[in-house]
Amino acid sequence: LANLYMNRMLKGWKQTKRGEQFQARIVSYADDFV
């Protein structure tokens, strides 16, 4: 379940180009992320 939900979150991050907007990178493992 952690991987399924995190995958949806990461997919939304990429599709909406939040990395560029927030000048950021997201690093995740299971249900933990920074």
Full PDB file with SEQRES, HELIX, SHEET, SSBOND, CRYST1, ORIGX, SCALE, CONECT and MASTER records, all heavy atoms in Angstrom:
SEQRES   1 A   34  LEU ALA ASN LEU TYR MET ASN ARG MET LEU LYS GLY TRP          
SEQRES   2 A   34  LYS GLN THR LYS ARG GLY GLU GLN PHE GLN ALA ARG ILE          
SEQRES   3 A   34  VAL SER TYR ALA ASP ASP PHE VAL                              
HELIX    1 AA1 ALA A    2  GLN A   15  1                                  14    
HELIX    2 AA2 ARG A   18  GLN A   21  1                                   4    
SHEET    1 AA1 2 SER A  28  TYR A  29  0                                        
SHEET    2 AA1 2 ASP A  32  PHE A  33 -1                                        
CRYST1    1.000    1.000    1.000  90.00  90.00  90.00 P 1           1          
ORIGX1      1.000000  0.000000  0.000000        0.00000                         
ORIGX2      0.000000  1.000000  0.000000        0.00000                         
ORIGX3      0.000000  0.000000  1.000000        0.00000                         
SCALE1      1.000000  0.000000  0.000000        0.00000                         
SCALE2      0.000000  1.000000  0.000000        0.00000                         
SCALE3      0.000000  0.000000  1.000000        0.00000                         
ATOM      1  N   LEU A   1       0.825  -1.206   0.000  1.00  0.00           N  
ATOM      2  CA  LEU A   1       0.000   0.000   0.000  1.00  0.00           C  
ATOM      3  C   LEU A   1       0.859   1.256   0.000  1.00  0.00           C  
ATOM      4  O   LEU A   1       0.538   2.239  -0.677  1.00  0.00           O  
ATOM      5  CB  LEU A   1      -0.919  -0.002   1.234  1.00  0.00           C  
ATOM      6  CG  LEU A   1      -2.016  -1.063   1.248  1.00  0.00           C  
ATOM      7  CD1 LEU A   1      -2.788  -1.005   2.554  1.00  0.00           C  
ATOM      8  CD2 LEU A   1      -2.952  -0.893   0.063  1.00  0.00           C  
ATOM      9  N   ALA A   2       1.963   1.224   0.742  1.00  0.00           N  
ATOM     10  CA  ALA A   2       2.863   2.380   0.783  1.00  0.00           C  
ATOM     11  C   ALA A   2       3.391   2.684  -0.607  1.00  0.00           C  
ATOM     12  O   ALA A   2       3.417   3.845  -1.046  1.00  0.00           O  
ATOM     13  CB  ALA A   2       4.014   2.114   1.753  1.00  0.00           C  
ATOM     14  N   ASN A   3       3.817   1.637  -1.321  1.00  0.00           N  
ATOM     15  CA  ASN A   3       4.349   1.850  -2.664  1.00  0.00           C  
ATOM     16  C   ASN A   3       3.285   2.348  -3.629  1.00  0.00           C  
ATOM     17  O   ASN A   3       3.551   3.193  -4.491  1.00  0.00           O  
ATOM     18  CB  ASN A   3       4.966   0.550  -3.196  1.00  0.00           C  
ATOM     19  CG  ASN A   3       6.291   0.225  -2.544  1.00  0.00           C  
ATOM     20  OD1 ASN A   3       7.023   1.124  -2.148  1.00  0.00           O  
ATOM     21  ND2 ASN A   3       6.607  -1.051  -2.418  1.00  0.00           N  
ATOM     22  N   LEU A   4       2.069   1.832  -3.489  1.00  0.00           N  
ATOM     23  CA  LEU A   4       0.982   2.262  -4.381  1.00  0.00           C  
ATOM     24  C   LEU A   4       0.667   3.742  -4.189  1.00  0.00           C  
ATOM     25  O   LEU A   4       0.552   4.504  -5.161  1.00  0.00           O  
ATOM     26  CB  LEU A   4      -0.278   1.422  -4.121  1.00  0.00           C  
ATOM     27  CG  LEU A   4      -0.248  -0.025  -4.616  1.00  0.00           C  
ATOM     28  CD1 LEU A   4      -1.478  -0.766  -4.149  1.00  0.00           C  
ATOM     29  CD2 LEU A   4      -0.151  -0.065  -6.143  1.00  0.00           C  
ATOM     30  N   TYR A   5       0.524   4.157  -2.929  1.00  0.00           N  
ATOM     31  CA  TYR A   5       0.187   5.552  -2.663  1.00  0.00           C  
ATOM     32  C   TYR A   5       1.343   6.489  -2.997  1.00  0.00           C  
ATOM     33  O   TYR A   5       1.139   7.572  -3.539  1.00  0.00           O  
ATOM     34  CB  TYR A   5      -0.239   5.725  -1.204  1.00  0.00           C  
ATOM     35  CG  TYR A   5      -1.665   5.303  -0.948  1.00  0.00           C  
ATOM     36  CD1 TYR A   5      -1.956   4.122  -0.260  1.00  0.00           C  
ATOM     37  CD2 TYR A   5      -2.730   6.087  -1.391  1.00  0.00           C  
ATOM     38  CE1 TYR A   5      -3.278   3.737  -0.024  1.00  0.00           C  
ATOM     39  CE2 TYR A   5      -4.040   5.711  -1.151  1.00  0.00           C  
ATOM     40  CZ  TYR A   5      -4.306   4.535  -0.479  1.00  0.00           C  
ATOM     41  OH  TYR A   5      -5.602   4.158  -0.249  1.00  0.00           O  
ATOM     42  N   MET A   6       2.559   6.075  -2.648  1.00  0.00           N  
ATOM     43  CA  MET A   6       3.707   6.920  -2.961  1.00  0.00           C  
ATOM     44  C   MET A   6       3.889   7.044  -4.460  1.00  0.00           C  
ATOM     45  O   MET A   6       4.275   8.114  -4.961  1.00  0.00           O  
ATOM     46  CB  MET A   6       4.981   6.354  -2.315  1.00  0.00           C  
ATOM     47  CG  MET A   6       5.120   6.634  -0.838  1.00  0.00           C  
ATOM     48  SD  MET A   6       5.076   8.404  -0.426  1.00  0.00           S  
ATOM     49  CE  MET A   6       6.473   9.009  -1.380  1.00  0.00           C  
ATOM     50  N   ASN A   7       3.601   5.992  -5.193  1.00  0.00           N  
ATOM     51  CA  ASN A   7       3.713   6.057  -6.649  1.00  0.00           C  
ATOM     52  C   ASN A   7       2.752   7.090  -7.224  1.00  0.00           C  
ATOM     53  O   ASN A   7       3.100   7.844  -8.146  1.00  0.00           O  
ATOM     54  CB  ASN A   7       3.426   4.682  -7.251  1.00  0.00           C  
ATOM     55  CG  ASN A   7       3.585   4.679  -8.761  1.00  0.00           C  
ATOM     56  OD1 ASN A   7       4.671   4.899  -9.288  1.00  0.00           O  
ATOM     57  ND2 ASN A   7       2.490   4.421  -9.472  1.00  0.00           N  
ATOM     58  N   ARG A   8       1.547   7.150  -6.668  1.00  0.00           N  
ATOM     59  CA  ARG A   8       0.566   8.140  -7.129  1.00  0.00           C  
ATOM     60  C   ARG A   8       1.038   9.559  -6.798  1.00  0.00           C  
ATOM     61  O   ARG A   8       0.901  10.477  -7.611  1.00  0.00           O  
ATOM     62  CB  ARG A   8      -0.790   7.865  -6.493  1.00  0.00           C  
ATOM     63  CG  ARG A   8      -1.444   6.569  -6.961  1.00  0.00           C  
ATOM     64  CD  ARG A   8      -2.790   6.354  -6.329  1.00  0.00           C  
ATOM     65  NE  ARG A   8      -3.759   7.377  -6.742  1.00  0.00           N  
ATOM     66  CZ  ARG A   8      -5.009   7.422  -6.304  1.00  0.00           C  
ATOM     67  NH1 ARG A   8      -5.421   6.514  -5.417  1.00  0.00           N  
ATOM     68  NH2 ARG A   8      -5.821   8.372  -6.714  1.00  0.00           N  
ATOM     69  N   MET A   9       1.607   9.716  -5.615  1.00  0.00           N  
ATOM     70  CA  MET A   9       2.095  11.032  -5.221  1.00  0.00           C  
ATOM     71  C   MET A   9       3.266  11.459  -6.110  1.00  0.00           C  
ATOM     72  O   MET A   9       3.325  12.596  -6.589  1.00  0.00           O  
ATOM     73  CB  MET A   9       2.530  11.008  -3.768  1.00  0.00           C  
ATOM     74  CG  MET A   9       3.135  12.318  -3.280  1.00  0.00           C  
ATOM     75  SD  MET A   9       3.613  12.216  -1.545  1.00  0.00           S  
ATOM     76  CE  MET A   9       4.577  13.733  -1.395  1.00  0.00           C  
ATOM     77  N   LEU A  10       4.203  10.546  -6.340  1.00  0.00           N  
ATOM     78  CA  LEU A  10       5.367  10.868  -7.156  1.00  0.00           C  
ATOM     79  C   LEU A  10       4.976  11.133  -8.609  1.00  0.00           C  
ATOM     80  O   LEU A  10       5.571  11.984  -9.278  1.00  0.00           O  
ATOM     81  CB  LEU A  10       6.380   9.719  -7.092  1.00  0.00           C  
ATOM     82  CG  LEU A  10       7.021   9.475  -5.718  1.00  0.00           C  
ATOM     83  CD1 LEU A  10       7.869   8.216  -5.744  1.00  0.00           C  
ATOM     84  CD2 LEU A  10       7.864  10.672  -5.302  1.00  0.00           C  
ATOM     85  N   LYS A  11       3.981  10.388  -9.076  1.00  0.00           N  
ATOM     86  CA  LYS A  11       3.493  10.614 -10.439  1.00  0.00           C  
ATOM     87  C   LYS A  11       2.891  12.013 -10.563  1.00  0.00           C  
ATOM     88  O   LYS A  11       3.136  12.734 -11.542  1.00  0.00           O  
ATOM     89  CB  LYS A  11       2.444   9.554 -10.788  1.00  0.00           C  
ATOM     90  CG  LYS A  11       1.993   9.599 -12.243  1.00  0.00           C  
ATOM     91  CD  LYS A  11       1.054   8.442 -12.538  1.00  0.00           C  
ATOM     92  CE  LYS A  11       0.613   8.461 -14.004  1.00  0.00           C  
ATOM     93  NZ  LYS A  11      -0.309   7.320 -14.304  1.00  0.00           N  
ATOM     94  N   GLY A  12       2.114  12.423  -9.545  1.00  0.00           N  
ATOM     95  CA  GLY A  12       1.541  13.772  -9.544  1.00  0.00           C  
ATOM     96  C   GLY A  12       2.625  14.832  -9.471  1.00  0.00           C  
ATOM     97  O   GLY A  12       2.527  15.879 -10.122  1.00  0.00           O  
ATOM     98  N   TRP A  13       3.652  14.587  -8.694  1.00  0.00           N  
ATOM     99  CA  TRP A  13       4.788  15.511  -8.579  1.00  0.00           C  
ATOM    100  C   TRP A  13       5.433  15.739  -9.945  1.00  0.00           C  
ATOM    101  O   TRP A  13       5.735  16.876 -10.328  1.00  0.00           O  
ATOM    102  CB  TRP A  13       5.798  14.936  -7.587  1.00  0.00           C  
ATOM    103  CG  TRP A  13       7.093  15.672  -7.452  1.00  0.00           C  
ATOM    104  CD1 TRP A  13       8.209  15.525  -8.244  1.00  0.00           C  
ATOM    105  CD2 TRP A  13       7.432  16.684  -6.495  1.00  0.00           C  
ATOM    106  NE1 TRP A  13       9.216  16.354  -7.834  1.00  0.00           N  
ATOM    107  CE2 TRP A  13       8.761  17.077  -6.749  1.00  0.00           C  
ATOM    108  CE3 TRP A  13       6.746  17.272  -5.436  1.00  0.00           C  
ATOM    109  CZ2 TRP A  13       9.421  18.038  -5.994  1.00  0.00           C  
ATOM    110  CZ3 TRP A  13       7.399  18.227  -4.680  1.00  0.00           C  
ATOM    111  CH2 TRP A  13       8.721  18.610  -4.948  1.00  0.00           C  
ATOM    112  N   LYS A  14       5.631  14.644 -10.668  1.00  0.00           N  
ATOM    113  CA  LYS A  14       6.293  14.731 -11.971  1.00  0.00           C  
ATOM    114  C   LYS A  14       5.393  15.367 -13.022  1.00  0.00           C  
ATOM    115  O   LYS A  14       5.822  16.240 -13.785  1.00  0.00           O  
ATOM    116  CB  LYS A  14       6.713  13.329 -12.419  1.00  0.00           C  
ATOM    117  CG  LYS A  14       7.496  13.309 -13.721  1.00  0.00           C  
ATOM    118  CD  LYS A  14       7.967  11.901 -14.049  1.00  0.00           C  
ATOM    119  CE  LYS A  14       8.767  11.897 -15.343  1.00  0.00           C  
ATOM    120  NZ  LYS A  14       9.244  10.509 -15.687  1.00  0.00           N  
ATOM    121  N   GLN A  15       4.133  14.940 -13.074  1.00  0.00           N  
ATOM    122  CA  GLN A  15       3.224  15.432 -14.103  1.00  0.00           C  
ATOM    123  C   GLN A  15       2.933  16.924 -13.963  1.00  0.00           C  
ATOM    124  O   GLN A  15       2.745  17.621 -14.967  1.00  0.00           O  
ATOM    125  CB  GLN A  15       1.917  14.630 -14.066  1.00  0.00           C  
ATOM    126  CG  GLN A  15       2.063  13.199 -14.558  1.00  0.00           C  
ATOM    127  CD  GLN A  15       0.747  12.444 -14.489  1.00  0.00           C  
ATOM    128  OE1 GLN A  15      -0.175  12.818 -13.752  1.00  0.00           O  
ATOM    129  NE2 GLN A  15       0.643  11.361 -15.264  1.00  0.00           N  
ATOM    130  N   THR A  16       2.878  17.410 -12.732  1.00  0.00           N  
ATOM    131  CA  THR A  16       2.584  18.821 -12.509  1.00  0.00           C  
ATOM    132  C   THR A  16       3.854  19.679 -12.411  1.00  0.00           C  
ATOM    133  O   THR A  16       3.769  20.865 -12.103  1.00  0.00           O  
ATOM    134  CB  THR A  16       1.762  19.000 -11.215  1.00  0.00           C  
ATOM    135  OG1 THR A  16       2.480  18.428 -10.112  1.00  0.00           O  
ATOM    136  CG2 THR A  16       0.412  18.316 -11.340  1.00  0.00           C  
ATOM    137  N   LYS A  17       5.004  19.038 -12.678  1.00  0.00           N  
ATOM    138  CA  LYS A  17       6.301  19.737 -12.702  1.00  0.00           C  
ATOM    139  C   LYS A  17       6.571  20.507 -11.405  1.00  0.00           C  
ATOM    140  O   LYS A  17       7.037  21.645 -11.401  1.00  0.00           O  
ATOM    141  CB  LYS A  17       6.373  20.690 -13.902  1.00  0.00           C  
ATOM    142  CG  LYS A  17       6.239  19.995 -15.253  1.00  0.00           C  
ATOM    143  CD  LYS A  17       6.436  20.955 -16.401  1.00  0.00           C  
ATOM    144  CE  LYS A  17       6.224  20.244 -17.744  1.00  0.00           C  
ATOM    145  NZ  LYS A  17       7.186  19.136 -17.946  1.00  0.00           N  
ATOM    146  N   ARG A  18       6.265  19.867 -10.276  1.00  0.00           N  
ATOM    147  CA  ARG A  18       6.500  20.518  -8.988  1.00  0.00           C  
ATOM    148  C   ARG A  18       7.988  20.675  -8.690  1.00  0.00           C  
ATOM    149  O   ARG A  18       8.375  21.575  -7.944  1.00  0.00           O  
ATOM    150  CB  ARG A  18       5.827  19.710  -7.863  1.00  0.00           C  
ATOM    151  CG  ARG A  18       4.326  19.584  -8.035  1.00  0.00           C  
ATOM    152  CD  ARG A  18       3.628  20.930  -7.993  1.00  0.00           C  
ATOM    153  NE  ARG A  18       2.208  20.796  -8.283  1.00  0.00           N  
ATOM    154  CZ  ARG A  18       1.330  21.778  -8.206  1.00  0.00           C  
ATOM    155  NH1 ARG A  18       1.739  22.984  -7.840  1.00  0.00           N  
ATOM    156  NH2 ARG A  18       0.052  21.578  -8.498  1.00  0.00           N  
ATOM    157  N   GLY A  19       8.794  19.785  -9.247  1.00  0.00           N  
ATOM    158  CA  GLY A  19      10.232  19.910  -9.040  1.00  0.00           C  
ATOM    159  C   GLY A  19      10.763  21.239  -9.542  1.00  0.00           C  
ATOM    160  O   GLY A  19      11.537  21.920  -8.849  1.00  0.00           O  
ATOM    161  N   GLU A  20      10.315  21.627 -10.734  1.00  0.00           N  
ATOM    162  CA  GLU A  20      10.729  22.908 -11.290  1.00  0.00           C  
ATOM    163  C   GLU A  20      10.106  24.077 -10.520  1.00  0.00           C  
ATOM    164  O   GLU A  20      10.754  25.084 -10.239  1.00  0.00           O  
ATOM    165  CB  GLU A  20      10.339  23.005 -12.772  1.00  0.00           C  
ATOM    166  CG  GLU A  20      11.097  22.043 -13.681  1.00  0.00           C  
ATOM    167  CD  GLU A  20      10.479  20.657 -13.744  1.00  0.00           C  
ATOM    168  OE1 GLU A  20       9.637  20.331 -12.864  1.00  0.00           O  
ATOM    169  OE2 GLU A  20      10.842  19.898 -14.653  1.00  0.00           O  
ATOM    170  N   GLN A  21       8.836  23.919 -10.142  1.00  0.00           N  
ATOM    171  CA  GLN A  21       8.131  24.993  -9.449  1.00  0.00           C  
ATOM    172  C   GLN A  21       8.744  25.288  -8.085  1.00  0.00           C  
ATOM    173  O   GLN A  21       8.908  26.455  -7.696  1.00  0.00           O  
ATOM    174  CB  GLN A  21       6.657  24.619  -9.274  1.00  0.00           C  
ATOM    175  CG  GLN A  21       5.846  25.675  -8.532  1.00  0.00           C  
ATOM    176  CD  GLN A  21       4.400  25.244  -8.318  1.00  0.00           C  
ATOM    177  OE1 GLN A  21       3.936  24.286  -8.938  1.00  0.00           O  
ATOM    178  NE2 GLN A  21       3.696  25.946  -7.444  1.00  0.00           N  
ATOM    179  N   PHE A  22       9.098  24.217  -7.357  1.00  0.00           N  
ATOM    180  CA  PHE A  22       9.629  24.394  -6.010  1.00  0.00           C  
ATOM    181  C   PHE A  22      11.153  24.332  -5.963  1.00  0.00           C  
ATOM    182  O   PHE A  22      11.727  24.398  -4.877  1.00  0.00           O  
ATOM    183  CB  PHE A  22       9.064  23.310  -5.080  1.00  0.00           C  
ATOM    184  CG  PHE A  22       7.564  23.299  -4.989  1.00  0.00           C  
ATOM    185  CD1 PHE A  22       6.857  22.110  -5.026  1.00  0.00           C  
ATOM    186  CD2 PHE A  22       6.856  24.490  -4.860  1.00  0.00           C  
ATOM    187  CE1 PHE A  22       5.477  22.093  -4.933  1.00  0.00           C  
ATOM    188  CE2 PHE A  22       5.472  24.480  -4.771  1.00  0.00           C  
ATOM    189  CZ  PHE A  22       4.777  23.279  -4.819  1.00  0.00           C  
ATOM    190  N   GLN A  23      11.789  24.236  -7.120  1.00  0.00           N  
ATOM    191  CA  GLN A  23      13.246  24.080  -7.183  1.00  0.00           C  
ATOM    192  C   GLN A  23      13.669  22.965  -6.230  1.00  0.00           C  
ATOM    193  O   GLN A  23      14.501  23.147  -5.339  1.00  0.00           O  
ATOM    194  CB  GLN A  23      13.943  25.384  -6.809  1.00  0.00           C  
ATOM    195  CG  GLN A  23      13.602  26.563  -7.711  1.00  0.00           C  
ATOM    196  CD  GLN A  23      14.293  27.833  -7.281  1.00  0.00           C  
ATOM    197  OE1 GLN A  23      15.458  27.810  -6.874  1.00  0.00           O  
ATOM    198  NE2 GLN A  23      13.579  28.951  -7.342  1.00  0.00           N  
ATOM    199  N   ALA A  24      13.062  21.805  -6.430  1.00  0.00           N  
ATOM    200  CA  ALA A  24      13.204  20.746  -5.436  1.00  0.00           C  
ATOM    201  C   ALA A  24      13.316  19.363  -6.065  1.00  0.00           C  
ATOM    202  O   ALA A  24      12.982  19.144  -7.235  1.00  0.00           O  
ATOM    203  CB  ALA A  24      12.004  20.773  -4.490  1.00  0.00           C  
ATOM    204  N   ARG A  25      13.796  18.446  -5.237  1.00  0.00           N  
ATOM    205  CA  ARG A  25      13.809  17.029  -5.568  1.00  0.00           C  
ATOM    206  C   ARG A  25      13.157  16.284  -4.415  1.00  0.00           C  
ATOM    207  O   ARG A  25      13.281  16.679  -3.252  1.00  0.00           O  
ATOM    208  CB  ARG A  25      15.244  16.512  -5.748  1.00  0.00           C  
ATOM    209  CG  ARG A  25      15.943  17.076  -6.962  1.00  0.00           C  
ATOM    210  CD  ARG A  25      17.351  16.497  -7.080  1.00  0.00           C  
ATOM    211  NE  ARG A  25      17.309  15.042  -7.231  1.00  0.00           N  
ATOM    212  CZ  ARG A  25      18.392  14.272  -7.283  1.00  0.00           C  
ATOM    213  NH1 ARG A  25      19.603  14.829  -7.146  1.00  0.00           N  
ATOM    214  NH2 ARG A  25      18.293  12.970  -7.439  1.00  0.00           N  
ATOM    215  N   ILE A  26      12.448  15.217  -4.743  1.00  0.00           N  
ATOM    216  CA  ILE A  26      11.818  14.405  -3.719  1.00  0.00           C  
ATOM    217  C   ILE A  26      12.509  13.039  -3.686  1.00  0.00           C  
ATOM    218  O   ILE A  26      12.763  12.436  -4.727  1.00  0.00           O  
ATOM    219  CB  ILE A  26      10.301  14.261  -3.982  1.00  0.00           C  
ATOM    220  CG1 ILE A  26       9.624  13.541  -2.805  1.00  0.00           C  
ATOM    221  CG2 ILE A  26      10.022  13.565  -5.287  1.00  0.00           C  
ATOM    222  CD1 ILE A  26       8.102  13.595  -2.863  1.00  0.00           C  
ATOM    223  N   VAL A  27      12.859  12.595  -2.493  1.00  0.00           N  
ATOM    224  CA  VAL A  27      13.525  11.304  -2.309  1.00  0.00           C  
ATOM    225  C   VAL A  27      12.642  10.465  -1.400  1.00  0.00           C  
ATOM    226  O   VAL A  27      12.271  10.907  -0.308  1.00  0.00           O  
ATOM    227  CB  VAL A  27      14.920  11.470  -1.674  1.00  0.00           C  
ATOM    228  CG1 VAL A  27      15.611  10.118  -1.534  1.00  0.00           C  
ATOM    229  CG2 VAL A  27      15.777  12.431  -2.497  1.00  0.00           C  
ATOM    230  N   SER A  28      12.301   9.253  -1.829  1.00  0.00           N  
ATOM    231  CA  SER A  28      11.368   8.440  -1.053  1.00  0.00           C  
ATOM    232  C   SER A  28      11.849   7.000  -0.914  1.00  0.00           C  
ATOM    233  O   SER A  28      12.618   6.494  -1.729  1.00  0.00           O  
ATOM    234  CB  SER A  28       9.984   8.438  -1.718  1.00  0.00           C  
ATOM    235  OG  SER A  28      10.037   7.764  -2.971  1.00  0.00           O  
ATOM    236  N   TYR A  29      11.383   6.373   0.154  1.00  0.00           N  
ATOM    237  CA  TYR A  29      11.595   4.945   0.364  1.00  0.00           C  
ATOM    238  C   TYR A  29      10.396   4.442   1.152  1.00  0.00           C  
ATOM    239  O   TYR A  29      10.152   4.890   2.274  1.00  0.00           O  
ATOM    240  CB  TYR A  29      12.883   4.670   1.145  1.00  0.00           C  
ATOM    241  CG  TYR A  29      13.128   3.202   1.381  1.00  0.00           C  
ATOM    242  CD1 TYR A  29      13.706   2.414   0.392  1.00  0.00           C  
ATOM    243  CD2 TYR A  29      12.752   2.601   2.580  1.00  0.00           C  
ATOM    244  CE1 TYR A  29      13.909   1.060   0.590  1.00  0.00           C  
ATOM    245  CE2 TYR A  29      12.955   1.244   2.790  1.00  0.00           C  
ATOM    246  CZ  TYR A  29      13.535   0.481   1.792  1.00  0.00           C  
ATOM    247  OH  TYR A  29      13.736  -0.867   1.994  1.00  0.00           O  
ATOM    248  N   ALA A  30       9.651   3.504   0.559  1.00  0.00           N  
ATOM    249  CA  ALA A  30       8.406   3.008   1.166  1.00  0.00           C  
ATOM    250  C   ALA A  30       7.503   4.206   1.472  1.00  0.00           C  
ATOM    251  O   ALA A  30       7.188   4.981   0.558  1.00  0.00           O  
ATOM    252  CB  ALA A  30       8.693   2.170   2.404  1.00  0.00           C  
ATOM    253  N   ASP A  31       7.128   4.427   2.748  1.00  0.00           N  
ATOM    254  CA  ASP A  31       6.240   5.544   3.059  1.00  0.00           C  
ATOM    255  C   ASP A  31       6.982   6.707   3.692  1.00  0.00           C  
ATOM    256  O   ASP A  31       6.359   7.613   4.255  1.00  0.00           O  
ATOM    257  CB  ASP A  31       5.103   5.091   3.979  1.00  0.00           C  
ATOM    258  CG  ASP A  31       5.615   4.540   5.300  1.00  0.00           C  
ATOM    259  OD1 ASP A  31       6.832   4.300   5.403  1.00  0.00           O  
ATOM    260  OD2 ASP A  31       4.805   4.341   6.224  1.00  0.00           O  
ATOM    261  N   ASP A  32       8.300   6.711   3.611  1.00  0.00           N  
ATOM    262  CA  ASP A  32       9.102   7.839   4.104  1.00  0.00           C  
ATOM    263  C   ASP A  32       9.625   8.645   2.920  1.00  0.00           C  
ATOM    264  O   ASP A  32      10.027   8.068   1.900  1.00  0.00           O  
ATOM    265  CB  ASP A  32      10.296   7.348   4.933  1.00  0.00           C  
ATOM    266  CG  ASP A  32       9.879   6.836   6.293  1.00  0.00           C  
ATOM    267  OD1 ASP A  32       8.823   7.270   6.777  1.00  0.00           O  
ATOM    268  OD2 ASP A  32      10.601   6.007   6.862  1.00  0.00           O  
ATOM    269  N   PHE A  33       9.639   9.961   3.065  1.00  0.00           N  
ATOM    270  CA  PHE A  33      10.197  10.776   1.986  1.00  0.00           C  
ATOM    271  C   PHE A  33      10.672  12.114   2.539  1.00  0.00           C  
ATOM    272  O   PHE A  33      10.227  12.580   3.590  1.00  0.00           O  
ATOM    273  CB  PHE A  33       9.172  11.007   0.864  1.00  0.00           C  
ATOM    274  CG  PHE A  33       7.982  11.841   1.248  1.00  0.00           C  
ATOM    275  CD1 PHE A  33       7.976  13.220   1.050  1.00  0.00           C  
ATOM    276  CD2 PHE A  33       6.853  11.249   1.797  1.00  0.00           C  
ATOM    277  CE1 PHE A  33       6.883  13.982   1.394  1.00  0.00           C  
ATOM    278  CE2 PHE A  33       5.748  12.006   2.155  1.00  0.00           C  
ATOM    279  CZ  PHE A  33       5.758  13.381   1.946  1.00  0.00           C  
ATOM    280  N   VAL A  34      11.597  12.713   1.821  1.00  0.00           N  
ATOM    281  CA  VAL A  34      12.043  14.077   2.102  1.00  0.00           C  
ATOM    282  C   VAL A  34      11.983  14.862   0.803  1.00  0.00           C  
ATOM    283  O   VAL A  34      12.162  14.303  -0.288  1.00  0.00           O  
ATOM    284  CB  VAL A  34      13.480  14.130   2.678  1.00  0.00           C  
ATOM    285  CG1 VAL A  34      13.542  13.485   4.034  1.00  0.00           C  
ATOM    286  CG2 VAL A  34      14.473  13.480   1.723  1.00  0.00           C  
TER     287      VAL A  34                                                      
MASTER        0    0    0    2    2    0    0    6  286    1    0    3          
END                                                                             
